[in-house]
Amino acid sequence: MHFLFHDNFISERGTTTTISHYARELVRRGHDVSISYDATSPSNVPEVVAGLNTEFSLAPYVSRRSFKELDGRFDAAYFRKSGVKDGKVFENTPSLVHCVFQNYDPHGVWYGYISEWLARTMSAQAKTIRSQFRARMAERAGCLNASEFDWLPSCTALPEATAVERYSWDVPETAFVVLRYGAWSSFDVPSVRQAVSRALDSRPDMYFIGVNTPPFTDHPRARFLPAVYTEQEKANLLASADLFLHARSNGESFGLAILEAL
């Protein structure tokens, strides 16, 4: 089969990373996979686009019209999204909608969630009188599961570490290293940033490494580094730290960075 995977933009964030893992598994099982994205998005990261282009056939589009022209060229299409209807779905290609937030707006032929908790929570909501009408409308439009939802988690397959990064960070081997990486805007809980600053003041053996993290302290034992784009770089980061710190005010139902750290 030939599958199309859609991402609004190609970047180092978990959506693109998870899509690439799903795609690799389908290729391993003998299927063809193309990845589509909005080529006009300012959030595209050229390094990540170039990396995916070495593995998959890319199908960028520049307008709603060119997006619609992809319809009918694939056996099925996968869309990762917040859960609300955004016009990104096909009429002639079975479209699978994978939701990452606590939204209920069933469409496509399959509508599922990123975690078991989300699937249970939203299945319960779908049984309310207000939601039953929406479910019936979605079923008439072709959605096969508008009220009882499956779930498919993120996945990862990090390689073994090949380098100890703390040496390049000028961090002693005996130091206690706290690592944070993820989206630039998602380390946004003020009390956690304050706690890191207090811990650096009170623990002379502690270092904080913030990768793709807005600087929030000028402490000499805090390092703020640019984003990494490969699985190997992530593996090396994690192998060089003692603790992974995550603090996103919007919450996570199944965050990829957490999964990679685990």
C-alpha atoms as a PDB file:
ATOM      1  CA  MET A   1       0.000   0.000   0.000  1.00  0.00           C
ATOM      2  CA  HIS A   2       1.002   3.610  -0.496  1.00  0.00           C
ATOM      3  CA  PHE A   3       0.424   5.814   2.562  1.00  0.00           C
ATOM      4  CA  LEU A   4       0.556   9.576   2.899  1.00  0.00           C
ATOM      5  CA  PHE A   5       1.546  11.051   6.253  1.00  0.00           C
ATOM      6  CA  HIS A   6       0.643  14.699   6.783  1.00  0.00           C
ATOM      7  CA  ASP A   7       2.331  17.226   9.061  1.00  0.00           C
ATOM      8  CA  ASN A   8       1.483  20.933   9.070  1.00  0.00           C
ATOM      9  CA  PHE A   9       5.205  21.667   9.079  1.00  0.00           C
ATOM     10  CA  ILE A  10       8.422  19.659   9.285  1.00  0.00           C
ATOM     11  CA  SER A  11      10.475  20.387  12.396  1.00  0.00           C
ATOM     12  CA  GLU A  12      12.374  18.859  15.307  1.00  0.00           C
ATOM     13  CA  ARG A  13       9.164  18.649  17.358  1.00  0.00           C
ATOM     14  CA  GLY A  14       7.493  15.444  18.445  1.00  0.00           C
ATOM     15  CA  THR A  15       4.827  15.425  15.737  1.00  0.00           C
ATOM     16  CA  THR A  16       7.347  15.131  12.910  1.00  0.00           C
ATOM     17  CA  THR A  17       9.529  12.731  14.874  1.00  0.00           C
ATOM     18  CA  THR A  18       6.648  10.403  15.696  1.00  0.00           C
ATOM     19  CA  ILE A  19       5.351  10.479  12.129  1.00  0.00           C
ATOM     20  CA  SER A  20       8.794   9.472  10.889  1.00  0.00           C
ATOM     21  CA  HIS A  21       8.841   6.513  13.308  1.00  0.00           C
ATOM     22  CA  TYR A  22       5.430   5.323  12.114  1.00  0.00           C
ATOM     23  CA  ALA A  23       6.550   5.764   8.499  1.00  0.00           C
ATOM     24  CA  ARG A  24       9.755   3.777   8.990  1.00  0.00           C
ATOM     25  CA  GLU A  25       7.805   0.885  10.473  1.00  0.00           C
ATOM     26  CA  LEU A  26       5.425   0.819   7.508  1.00  0.00           C
ATOM     27  CA  VAL A  27       8.376   0.860   5.107  1.00  0.00           C
ATOM     28  CA  ARG A  28       9.947  -2.004   7.073  1.00  0.00           C
ATOM     29  CA  ARG A  29       6.726  -3.941   6.508  1.00  0.00           C
ATOM     30  CA  GLY A  30       6.918  -3.424   2.761  1.00  0.00           C
ATOM     31  CA  HIS A  31       4.705  -0.377   2.209  1.00  0.00           C
ATOM     32  CA  ASP A  32       5.440   2.881   0.412  1.00  0.00           C
ATOM     33  CA  VAL A  33       5.237   6.120   2.401  1.00  0.00           C
ATOM     34  CA  SER A  34       5.202   9.766   1.357  1.00  0.00           C
ATOM     35  CA  ILE A  35       5.194  12.722   3.756  1.00  0.00           C
ATOM     36  CA  SER A  36       3.215  15.863   2.996  1.00  0.00           C
ATOM     37  CA  TYR A  37       3.557  19.296   4.595  1.00  0.00           C
ATOM     38  CA  ASP A  38       2.851  22.962   4.022  1.00  0.00           C
ATOM     39  CA  ALA A  39       5.966  24.221   2.246  1.00  0.00           C
ATOM     40  CA  THR A  40       5.042  27.839   2.997  1.00  0.00           C
ATOM     41  CA  SER A  41       5.077  27.421   6.789  1.00  0.00           C
ATOM     42  CA  PRO A  42       7.766  29.529   8.507  1.00  0.00           C
ATOM     43  CA  SER A  43       8.061  26.750  11.105  1.00  0.00           C
ATOM     44  CA  ASN A  44       9.695  24.318   8.666  1.00  0.00           C
ATOM     45  CA  VAL A  45      13.246  23.417   9.719  1.00  0.00           C
ATOM     46  CA  PRO A  46      15.435  22.904   6.612  1.00  0.00           C
ATOM     47  CA  GLU A  47      17.762  20.455   8.358  1.00  0.00           C
ATOM     48  CA  VAL A  48      14.845  18.178   9.285  1.00  0.00           C
ATOM     49  CA  VAL A  49      13.260  18.468   5.834  1.00  0.00           C
ATOM     50  CA  ALA A  50      16.572  17.496   4.220  1.00  0.00           C
ATOM     51  CA  GLY A  51      16.942  14.519   6.558  1.00  0.00           C
ATOM     52  CA  LEU A  52      13.473  13.168   5.793  1.00  0.00           C
ATOM     53  CA  ASN A  53      14.058  13.674   2.084  1.00  0.00           C
ATOM     54  CA  THR A  54      16.828  11.072   2.221  1.00  0.00           C
ATOM     55  CA  GLU A  55      14.368   8.469   3.538  1.00  0.00           C
ATOM     56  CA  PHE A  56      10.959   9.246   2.091  1.00  0.00           C
ATOM     57  CA  SER A  57       9.275  10.797  -0.897  1.00  0.00           C
ATOM     58  CA  LEU A  58       8.154  14.269   0.183  1.00  0.00           C
ATOM     59  CA  ALA A  59       4.909  15.790  -1.095  1.00  0.00           C
ATOM     60  CA  PRO A  60       4.969  19.480  -0.143  1.00  0.00           C
ATOM     61  CA  TYR A  61       2.113  21.783  -1.072  1.00  0.00           C
ATOM     62  CA  VAL A  62       1.866  25.559  -1.251  1.00  0.00           C
ATOM     63  CA  SER A  63      -1.894  26.165  -1.238  1.00  0.00           C
ATOM     64  CA  ARG A  64      -5.189  24.526  -0.382  1.00  0.00           C
ATOM     65  CA  ARG A  65      -5.613  23.732  -4.054  1.00  0.00           C
ATOM     66  CA  SER A  66      -2.277  21.926  -4.323  1.00  0.00           C
ATOM     67  CA  PHE A  67      -3.103  20.078  -1.096  1.00  0.00           C
ATOM     68  CA  LYS A  68      -6.377  18.860  -2.600  1.00  0.00           C
ATOM     69  CA  GLU A  69      -4.484  17.659  -5.681  1.00  0.00           C
ATOM     70  CA  LEU A  70      -2.886  14.983  -3.486  1.00  0.00           C
ATOM     71  CA  ASP A  71      -6.315  13.424  -2.933  1.00  0.00           C
ATOM     72  CA  GLY A  72      -6.777  10.109  -4.744  1.00  0.00           C
ATOM     73  CA  ARG A  73      -3.065   9.402  -5.199  1.00  0.00           C
ATOM     74  CA  PHE A  74      -2.728   7.236  -2.075  1.00  0.00           C
ATOM     75  CA  ASP A  75      -4.405   4.217  -0.508  1.00  0.00           C
ATOM     76  CA  ALA A  76      -4.774   5.975   2.846  1.00  0.00           C
ATOM     77  CA  ALA A  77      -3.721   9.242   4.503  1.00  0.00           C
ATOM     78  CA  TYR A  78      -2.749   9.906   8.121  1.00  0.00           C
ATOM     79  CA  PHE A  79      -3.276  13.294   9.782  1.00  0.00           C
ATOM     80  CA  ARG A  80      -1.842  14.193  13.199  1.00  0.00           C
ATOM     81  CA  LYS A  81      -3.772  17.149  14.596  1.00  0.00           C
ATOM     82  CA  SER A  82      -5.257  18.778  17.683  1.00  0.00           C
ATOM     83  CA  GLY A  83      -8.558  17.015  17.027  1.00  0.00           C
ATOM     84  CA  VAL A  84     -10.643  19.813  15.527  1.00  0.00           C
ATOM     85  CA  LYS A  85     -11.682  20.050  11.896  1.00  0.00           C
ATOM     86  CA  ASP A  86      -9.168  22.201  10.066  1.00  0.00           C
ATOM     87  CA  GLY A  87      -9.911  21.349   6.441  1.00  0.00           C
ATOM     88  CA  LYS A  88      -6.936  18.974   6.294  1.00  0.00           C
ATOM     89  CA  VAL A  89      -8.700  15.775   5.264  1.00  0.00           C
ATOM     90  CA  PHE A  90      -9.401  14.112   1.927  1.00  0.00           C
ATOM     91  CA  GLU A  91     -12.686  13.275   0.250  1.00  0.00           C
ATOM     92  CA  ASN A  92     -11.510  10.401  -1.964  1.00  0.00           C
ATOM     93  CA  THR A  93      -8.727   8.927   0.166  1.00  0.00           C
ATOM     94  CA  PRO A  94      -9.482   7.172   3.486  1.00  0.00           C
ATOM     95  CA  SER A  95      -8.255   9.670   6.060  1.00  0.00           C
ATOM     96  CA  LEU A  96      -7.109   8.651   9.542  1.00  0.00           C
ATOM     97  CA  VAL A  97      -7.245  11.445  12.131  1.00  0.00           C
ATOM     98  CA  HIS A  98      -4.966  11.094  15.162  1.00  0.00           C
ATOM     99  CA  CYS A  99      -5.726  13.569  17.983  1.00  0.00           C
ATOM    100  CA  VAL A 100      -3.211  14.810  20.530  1.00  0.00           C
ATOM    101  CA  PHE A 101      -5.387  17.131  22.622  1.00  0.00           C
ATOM    102  CA  GLN A 102      -8.620  16.919  24.570  1.00  0.00           C
ATOM    103  CA  ASN A 103     -10.860  17.859  21.655  1.00  0.00           C
ATOM    104  CA  TYR A 104     -13.936  16.101  20.288  1.00  0.00           C
ATOM    105  CA  ASP A 105     -14.708  16.781  16.649  1.00  0.00           C
ATOM    106  CA  PRO A 106     -14.826  13.403  14.816  1.00  0.00           C
ATOM    107  CA  HIS A 107     -14.075  13.381  11.082  1.00  0.00           C
ATOM    108  CA  GLY A 108     -12.253  11.239   8.578  1.00  0.00           C
ATOM    109  CA  VAL A 109     -12.915   7.511   8.392  1.00  0.00           C
ATOM    110  CA  TRP A 110     -11.029   6.835  11.645  1.00  0.00           C
ATOM    111  CA  TYR A 111     -10.766   9.199  14.593  1.00  0.00           C
ATOM    112  CA  GLY A 112      -8.475   8.210  17.443  1.00  0.00           C
ATOM    113  CA  TYR A 113      -6.259   9.594  20.199  1.00  0.00           C
ATOM    114  CA  ILE A 114      -2.626   9.582  21.227  1.00  0.00           C
ATOM    115  CA  SER A 115      -3.124   7.979  24.641  1.00  0.00           C
ATOM    116  CA  GLU A 116      -5.395   5.542  26.412  1.00  0.00           C
ATOM    117  CA  TRP A 117      -6.424   8.229  28.910  1.00  0.00           C
ATOM    118  CA  LEU A 118      -7.498  10.586  26.118  1.00  0.00           C
ATOM    119  CA  ALA A 119      -9.423   7.823  24.333  1.00  0.00           C
ATOM    120  CA  ARG A 120     -11.292   6.852  27.515  1.00  0.00           C
ATOM    121  CA  THR A 121     -12.008  10.470  28.460  1.00  0.00           C
ATOM    122  CA  MET A 122     -13.314  11.464  25.054  1.00  0.00           C
ATOM    123  CA  SER A 123     -15.320   8.241  24.612  1.00  0.00           C
ATOM    124  CA  ALA A 124     -17.132   9.162  27.835  1.00  0.00           C
ATOM    125  CA  GLN A 125     -17.762  12.683  26.561  1.00  0.00           C
ATOM    126  CA  ALA A 126     -19.130  11.310  23.289  1.00  0.00           C
ATOM    127  CA  LYS A 127     -21.950   9.644  25.222  1.00  0.00           C
ATOM    128  CA  THR A 128     -23.403  12.952  26.405  1.00  0.00           C
ATOM    129  CA  ILE A 129     -26.596  14.109  24.694  1.00  0.00           C
ATOM    130  CA  ARG A 130     -24.875  17.142  23.204  1.00  0.00           C
ATOM    131  CA  SER A 131     -22.116  15.024  21.676  1.00  0.00           C
ATOM    132  CA  GLN A 132     -24.394  12.287  20.371  1.00  0.00           C
ATOM    133  CA  PHE A 133     -25.736  14.585  17.678  1.00  0.00           C
ATOM    134  CA  ARG A 134     -22.200  15.394  16.543  1.00  0.00           C
ATOM    135  CA  ALA A 135     -21.367  11.677  16.526  1.00  0.00           C
ATOM    136  CA  ARG A 136     -24.347  10.875  14.315  1.00  0.00           C
ATOM    137  CA  MET A 137     -23.375  13.629  11.890  1.00  0.00           C
ATOM    138  CA  ALA A 138     -19.806  12.292  11.740  1.00  0.00           C
ATOM    139  CA  GLU A 139     -21.043   8.734  11.116  1.00  0.00           C
ATOM    140  CA  ARG A 140     -23.202   9.949   8.238  1.00  0.00           C
ATOM    141  CA  ALA A 141     -20.112  11.628   6.803  1.00  0.00           C
ATOM    142  CA  GLY A 142     -18.246   8.303   6.881  1.00  0.00           C
ATOM    143  CA  CYS A 143     -16.497   8.210  10.277  1.00  0.00           C
ATOM    144  CA  LEU A 144     -16.471   4.572  11.432  1.00  0.00           C
ATOM    145  CA  ASN A 145     -15.845   5.304  15.124  1.00  0.00           C
ATOM    146  CA  ALA A 146     -17.390   8.617  16.100  1.00  0.00           C
ATOM    147  CA  SER A 147     -18.125   7.682  19.714  1.00  0.00           C
ATOM    148  CA  GLU A 148     -15.835   4.786  20.743  1.00  0.00           C
ATOM    149  CA  PHE A 149     -12.208   5.725  20.228  1.00  0.00           C
ATOM    150  CA  ASP A 150      -9.056   3.715  19.718  1.00  0.00           C
ATOM    151  CA  TRP A 151      -5.664   4.993  20.767  1.00  0.00           C
ATOM    152  CA  LEU A 152      -2.219   4.753  19.267  1.00  0.00           C
ATOM    153  CA  PRO A 153       0.729   5.999  21.334  1.00  0.00           C
ATOM    154  CA  SER A 154       3.875   7.716  20.197  1.00  0.00           C
ATOM    155  CA  CYS A 155       6.855   5.471  19.624  1.00  0.00           C
ATOM    156  CA  THR A 156      10.603   5.860  19.599  1.00  0.00           C
ATOM    157  CA  ALA A 157      13.682   3.798  18.880  1.00  0.00           C
ATOM    158  CA  LEU A 158      16.722   5.735  20.069  1.00  0.00           C
ATOM    159  CA  PRO A 159      20.113   4.193  19.249  1.00  0.00           C
ATOM    160  CA  GLU A 160      22.839   3.526  21.777  1.00  0.00           C
ATOM    161  CA  ALA A 161      24.837   6.599  22.769  1.00  0.00           C
ATOM    162  CA  THR A 162      28.112   7.122  20.944  1.00  0.00           C
ATOM    163  CA  ALA A 163      29.493  10.109  22.891  1.00  0.00           C
ATOM    164  CA  VAL A 164      29.397  11.659  26.351  1.00  0.00           C
ATOM    165  CA  GLU A 165      28.364  15.226  25.715  1.00  0.00           C
ATOM    166  CA  ARG A 166      29.176  16.629  29.164  1.00  0.00           C
ATOM    167  CA  TYR A 167      32.823  16.897  28.145  1.00  0.00           C
ATOM    168  CA  SER A 168      31.940  19.252  25.288  1.00  0.00           C
ATOM    169  CA  TRP A 169      29.773  21.216  27.725  1.00  0.00           C
ATOM    170  CA  ASP A 170      32.769  21.717  30.053  1.00  0.00           C
ATOM    171  CA  VAL A 171      30.913  19.850  32.790  1.00  0.00           C
ATOM    172  CA  PRO A 172      32.849  17.708  35.317  1.00  0.00           C
ATOM    173  CA  GLU A 173      32.335  13.945  35.155  1.00  0.00           C
ATOM    174  CA  THR A 174      31.156  13.921  38.784  1.00  0.00           C
ATOM    175  CA  ALA A 175      28.550  16.670  38.289  1.00  0.00           C
ATOM    176  CA  PHE A 176      24.802  16.085  38.648  1.00  0.00           C
ATOM    177  CA  VAL A 177      23.411  17.078  35.237  1.00  0.00           C
ATOM    178  CA  VAL A 178      19.781  18.114  34.732  1.00  0.00           C
ATOM    179  CA  LEU A 179      18.773  18.050  31.069  1.00  0.00           C
ATOM    180  CA  ARG A 180      15.852  19.659  29.306  1.00  0.00           C
ATOM    181  CA  TYR A 181      15.052  19.508  25.593  1.00  0.00           C
ATOM    182  CA  GLY A 182      11.844  19.895  23.600  1.00  0.00           C
ATOM    183  CA  ALA A 183       9.989  22.632  21.768  1.00  0.00           C
ATOM    184  CA  TRP A 184      11.335  26.158  22.287  1.00  0.00           C
ATOM    185  CA  SER A 185       8.059  27.437  23.739  1.00  0.00           C
ATOM    186  CA  SER A 186       7.031  24.490  25.921  1.00  0.00           C
ATOM    187  CA  PHE A 187       9.362  24.867  28.929  1.00  0.00           C
ATOM    188  CA  ASP A 188       7.063  27.526  30.319  1.00  0.00           C
ATOM    189  CA  VAL A 189       6.173  26.805  33.960  1.00  0.00           C
ATOM    190  CA  PRO A 190       7.604  29.793  35.908  1.00  0.00           C
ATOM    191  CA  SER A 191       7.874  27.960  39.235  1.00  0.00           C
ATOM    192  CA  VAL A 192      10.033  25.244  37.633  1.00  0.00           C
ATOM    193  CA  ARG A 193      12.441  27.765  36.135  1.00  0.00           C
ATOM    194  CA  GLN A 194      12.672  29.427  39.556  1.00  0.00           C
ATOM    195  CA  ALA A 195      13.295  26.056  41.208  1.00  0.00           C
ATOM    196  CA  VAL A 196      16.154  25.340  38.791  1.00  0.00           C
ATOM    197  CA  SER A 197      17.760  28.678  39.627  1.00  0.00           C
ATOM    198  CA  ARG A 198      17.443  28.024  43.375  1.00  0.00           C
ATOM    199  CA  ALA A 199      18.881  24.516  42.984  1.00  0.00           C
ATOM    200  CA  LEU A 200      21.872  25.850  41.053  1.00  0.00           C
ATOM    201  CA  ASP A 201      22.526  28.307  43.878  1.00  0.00           C
ATOM    202  CA  SER A 202      22.275  25.641  46.577  1.00  0.00           C
ATOM    203  CA  ARG A 203      23.970  22.669  44.878  1.00  0.00           C
ATOM    204  CA  PRO A 204      27.526  23.360  43.687  1.00  0.00           C
ATOM    205  CA  ASP A 205      27.636  19.957  41.939  1.00  0.00           C
ATOM    206  CA  MET A 206      24.575  20.629  39.752  1.00  0.00           C
ATOM    207  CA  TYR A 207      24.565  21.769  36.130  1.00  0.00           C
ATOM    208  CA  PHE A 208      21.518  22.589  34.011  1.00  0.00           C
ATOM    209  CA  ILE A 209      21.597  21.901  30.259  1.00  0.00           C
ATOM    210  CA  GLY A 210      18.750  23.508  28.353  1.00  0.00           C
ATOM    211  CA  VAL A 211      18.618  22.378  24.710  1.00  0.00           C
ATOM    212  CA  ASN A 212      16.339  24.476  22.491  1.00  0.00           C
ATOM    213  CA  THR A 213      15.309  26.252  25.689  1.00  0.00           C
ATOM    214  CA  PRO A 214      14.921  30.028  26.145  1.00  0.00           C
ATOM    215  CA  PRO A 215      17.613  31.221  28.596  1.00  0.00           C
ATOM    216  CA  PHE A 216      16.058  32.087  31.938  1.00  0.00           C
ATOM    217  CA  THR A 217      19.190  32.419  34.085  1.00  0.00           C
ATOM    218  CA  ASP A 218      22.762  33.611  33.654  1.00  0.00           C
ATOM    219  CA  HIS A 219      24.098  31.196  36.269  1.00  0.00           C
ATOM    220  CA  PRO A 220      27.605  29.974  35.323  1.00  0.00           C
ATOM    221  CA  ARG A 221      26.512  26.339  35.678  1.00  0.00           C
ATOM    222  CA  ALA A 222      23.611  26.695  33.249  1.00  0.00           C
ATOM    223  CA  ARG A 223      24.203  25.947  29.577  1.00  0.00           C
ATOM    224  CA  PHE A 224      21.684  26.851  26.855  1.00  0.00           C
ATOM    225  CA  LEU A 225      22.325  25.024  23.595  1.00  0.00           C
ATOM    226  CA  PRO A 226      20.715  24.978  20.118  1.00  0.00           C
ATOM    227  CA  ALA A 227      18.218  22.343  19.023  1.00  0.00           C
ATOM    228  CA  VAL A 228      19.315  18.874  17.957  1.00  0.00           C
ATOM    229  CA  TYR A 229      17.730  17.119  14.992  1.00  0.00           C
ATOM    230  CA  THR A 230      18.835  13.481  14.946  1.00  0.00           C
ATOM    231  CA  GLU A 231      18.011  10.457  17.076  1.00  0.00           C
ATOM    232  CA  GLN A 232      21.720   9.949  17.726  1.00  0.00           C
ATOM    233  CA  GLU A 233      22.083  13.457  19.149  1.00  0.00           C
ATOM    234  CA  LYS A 234      19.127  12.861  21.468  1.00  0.00           C
ATOM    235  CA  ALA A 235      20.585   9.548  22.632  1.00  0.00           C
ATOM    236  CA  ASN A 236      23.912  11.211  23.399  1.00  0.00           C
ATOM    237  CA  LEU A 237      22.179  14.008  25.322  1.00  0.00           C
ATOM    238  CA  LEU A 238      20.195  11.583  27.478  1.00  0.00           C
ATOM    239  CA  ALA A 239      23.206   9.371  28.164  1.00  0.00           C
ATOM    240  CA  SER A 240      25.116  12.437  29.376  1.00  0.00           C
ATOM    241  CA  ALA A 241      22.532  13.521  31.962  1.00  0.00           C
ATOM    242  CA  ASP A 242      21.351  12.272  35.350  1.00  0.00           C
ATOM    243  CA  LEU A 243      17.833  13.695  35.276  1.00  0.00           C
ATOM    244  CA  PHE A 244      15.417  14.787  32.551  1.00  0.00           C
ATOM    245  CA  LEU A 245      13.211  17.754  33.399  1.00  0.00           C
ATOM    246  CA  HIS A 246       9.902  18.486  31.659  1.00  0.00           C
ATOM    247  CA  ALA A 247       7.597  21.395  32.501  1.00  0.00           C
ATOM    248  CA  ARG A 248       4.914  22.332  29.990  1.00  0.00           C
ATOM    249  CA  SER A 249       1.944  24.372  31.177  1.00  0.00           C
ATOM    250  CA  ASN A 250      -0.289  22.905  28.466  1.00  0.00           C
ATOM    251  CA  GLY A 251       0.341  19.421  29.836  1.00  0.00           C
ATOM    252  CA  GLU A 252       1.050  16.180  28.024  1.00  0.00           C
ATOM    253  CA  SER A 253      -1.084  13.145  27.330  1.00  0.00           C
ATOM    254  CA  PHE A 254       1.776  11.193  25.760  1.00  0.00           C
ATOM    255  CA  GLY A 255       4.695  13.541  25.152  1.00  0.00           C
ATOM    256  CA  LEU A 256       7.471  12.190  22.928  1.00  0.00           C
ATOM    257  CA  ALA A 257      10.314  13.830  24.872  1.00  0.00           C
ATOM    258  CA  ILE A 258       9.099  12.105  28.047  1.00  0.00           C
ATOM    259  CA  LEU A 259       8.955   8.787  26.216  1.00  0.00           C
ATOM    260  CA  GLU A 260      12.475   9.230  24.860  1.00  0.00           C
ATOM    261  CA  ALA A 261      13.795  10.034  28.331  1.00  0.00           C
ATOM    262  CA  LEU A 262      12.084   6.995  29.834  1.00  0.00           C
END
